[in-house]
Protein backbone atom coordinates (compact mmCIF):
# COMPACT_ATOMS: atom_id res chain seq x y z
CA MET A 1 9.08 -1.72 15.00
CA SER A 2 9.11 1.64 13.30
CA LYS A 3 7.52 0.00 10.27
CA TYR A 4 7.10 3.26 8.41
CA TYR A 5 10.81 4.05 8.60
CA VAL A 6 11.93 0.53 7.67
CA ASN A 7 9.51 0.49 4.74
CA LYS A 8 10.69 3.96 3.67
CA PHE A 9 14.26 2.64 3.73
CA LEU A 10 13.33 -0.41 1.62
CA PHE A 11 11.35 1.76 -0.83
CA THR A 12 13.90 4.54 -1.31
CA VAL A 13 16.99 2.33 -1.49
CA ASP A 14 15.41 -0.11 -3.94
CA ARG A 15 14.45 2.69 -6.33
CA ASP A 16 17.84 4.41 -6.55
CA PRO A 17 20.70 2.40 -8.09
CA ARG A 18 23.32 4.56 -6.37
CA LEU A 19 21.77 4.01 -2.94
CA LEU A 20 21.37 0.30 -3.64
CA ALA A 21 25.07 0.03 -4.58
CA ARG A 22 26.13 1.86 -1.43
CA TYR A 23 23.90 -0.36 0.72
CA THR A 24 25.25 -3.50 -0.95
CA GLU A 25 28.90 -2.50 -0.57
CA GLU A 26 28.92 -0.99 2.93
CA PRO A 27 25.67 -1.84 4.73
CA ARG A 28 26.73 -0.74 8.22
CA SER A 29 27.90 2.74 7.24
CA PHE A 30 25.12 3.18 4.70
CA VAL A 31 22.33 2.33 7.17
CA SER A 32 23.79 4.89 9.58
CA VAL A 33 24.06 7.59 6.88
CA TRP A 34 20.57 6.81 5.59
CA GLU A 35 19.03 6.97 9.07
CA GLN A 36 20.70 10.28 9.90
CA SER A 37 20.64 12.21 6.63
CA ILE A 38 18.58 10.55 3.88
CA GLY A 39 15.65 9.05 5.78
CA PRO A 40 14.60 12.20 7.64
CA LYS A 41 14.06 14.08 4.36
CA LEU A 42 10.46 14.24 3.28
CA ILE A 43 9.97 12.56 -0.08
CA GLY A 44 9.73 15.26 -2.72
CA ASN A 45 10.83 18.00 -0.31
CA GLU A 46 14.57 18.49 0.16
CA VAL A 47 14.10 21.48 2.49
CA GLU A 48 12.10 19.97 5.34
CA ALA A 49 13.06 16.97 7.43
CA SER A 50 11.33 14.84 10.04
CA THR A 51 12.78 14.09 13.44
CA ALA A 52 10.01 11.68 14.42
CA HIS A 53 11.55 8.40 13.25
CA ALA A 54 14.50 6.20 14.09
CA PHE A 55 15.30 2.52 13.71
CA THR A 56 15.20 0.24 16.71
CA ASP A 57 18.41 -1.65 17.45
CA ALA A 58 16.83 -4.84 16.04
CA GLU A 59 15.80 -3.08 12.81
CA ARG A 60 19.22 -1.51 12.38
CA LYS A 61 20.90 -4.90 12.93
CA ALA A 62 18.58 -6.64 10.43
CA LEU A 63 19.18 -3.96 7.82
CA VAL A 64 22.94 -4.06 8.31
CA GLU A 65 23.00 -7.86 8.09
CA HIS A 66 20.58 -7.99 5.12
CA ASP A 67 18.39 -10.18 7.35
CA PHE A 68 15.23 -10.19 5.26
CA VAL A 69 13.68 -12.94 7.41
CA SER A 70 13.88 -10.82 10.57
CA LEU A 71 12.58 -7.80 8.68
CA PHE A 72 9.60 -9.86 7.47
CA GLU A 73 8.96 -11.18 10.98
CA MET A 74 9.04 -7.62 12.37
CA GLY A 75 6.38 -6.60 9.85
CA ALA A 76 8.33 -5.03 6.98
CA HIS A 77 6.18 -4.91 3.86
CA PHE A 78 6.70 -8.21 2.05
CA PHE A 79 6.95 -6.75 -1.47
CA LEU A 80 9.35 -3.96 -0.50
CA ASN A 81 11.50 -6.43 1.43
CA LEU A 82 11.58 -8.94 -1.42
CA THR A 83 12.30 -6.45 -4.20
CA LEU A 84 15.15 -4.72 -2.37
CA PHE A 85 16.96 -7.99 -1.76
CA ILE A 86 16.26 -9.21 -5.29
CA GLY A 87 18.12 -6.08 -6.37
CA ILE A 88 21.12 -7.17 -4.32
CA TYR A 89 21.13 -10.94 -4.68
CA ASP A 90 19.30 -11.92 -7.87
CA GLU A 91 22.26 -11.73 -10.23
CA PRO A 92 24.86 -13.53 -8.09
CA TYR A 93 22.36 -16.27 -7.22
CA ARG A 94 21.31 -16.59 -10.86
CA GLN A 95 24.90 -16.99 -11.97
CA ARG A 96 25.54 -19.75 -9.42
CA LEU A 97 22.18 -21.51 -9.24
CA GLY A 98 20.03 -20.42 -12.18
CA PRO A 99 16.93 -18.27 -12.67
CA LEU A 100 14.84 -17.35 -9.62
CA ALA A 101 17.39 -18.93 -7.27
CA PHE A 102 17.28 -16.05 -4.81
CA GLN A 103 13.48 -15.93 -4.84
CA ARG A 104 13.41 -19.66 -4.05
CA GLU A 105 15.82 -19.14 -1.15
CA PHE A 106 13.75 -16.22 0.13
CA ALA A 107 10.66 -18.47 0.09
CA GLU A 108 12.52 -21.36 1.73
CA LYS A 109 13.80 -19.15 4.55
CA LEU A 110 10.24 -18.00 5.22
CA ARG A 111 8.84 -21.52 5.03
CA HIS A 112 8.27 -21.60 8.80
CA TRP A 113 5.50 -19.02 8.26
CA ARG A 114 3.30 -21.38 6.27
CA GLY A 115 -0.12 -21.65 7.87
CA ARG A 116 0.47 -18.63 10.09
CA ASP A 117 -1.02 -15.18 9.83
CA TYR A 118 1.03 -12.72 7.81
CA PRO A 119 2.84 -10.27 10.15
CA SER A 120 0.96 -7.00 10.33
CA ILE A 121 2.40 -4.17 8.26
CA MET A 122 0.31 -1.69 10.22
CA THR A 123 2.29 0.83 12.22
């Protein structure tokens, strides 16, 4: 897993409402655009870009499918993973099922990790 790049995706998308909206509405095209034109830019430096990172096929698929369980299992940073998907799913879940409904589902879907070591977030 290119953990750095996945975590950079989670971090940058979660902190920009426009990017989050684009990711929510069209995940497949947005992940492609992000990987090719947004992700390579160095944070705080719009002039330089990195060519050292790319998503694996499994990472790209998990991001496109909003598969936060697979991202967690591959070692995506737990907090970044959780907060990005809260940004997408918290309100619709809250409307249907009440407060913290998405967070409860997130925890339930990761229940199989109880008693196991946390996946390494090291690159």
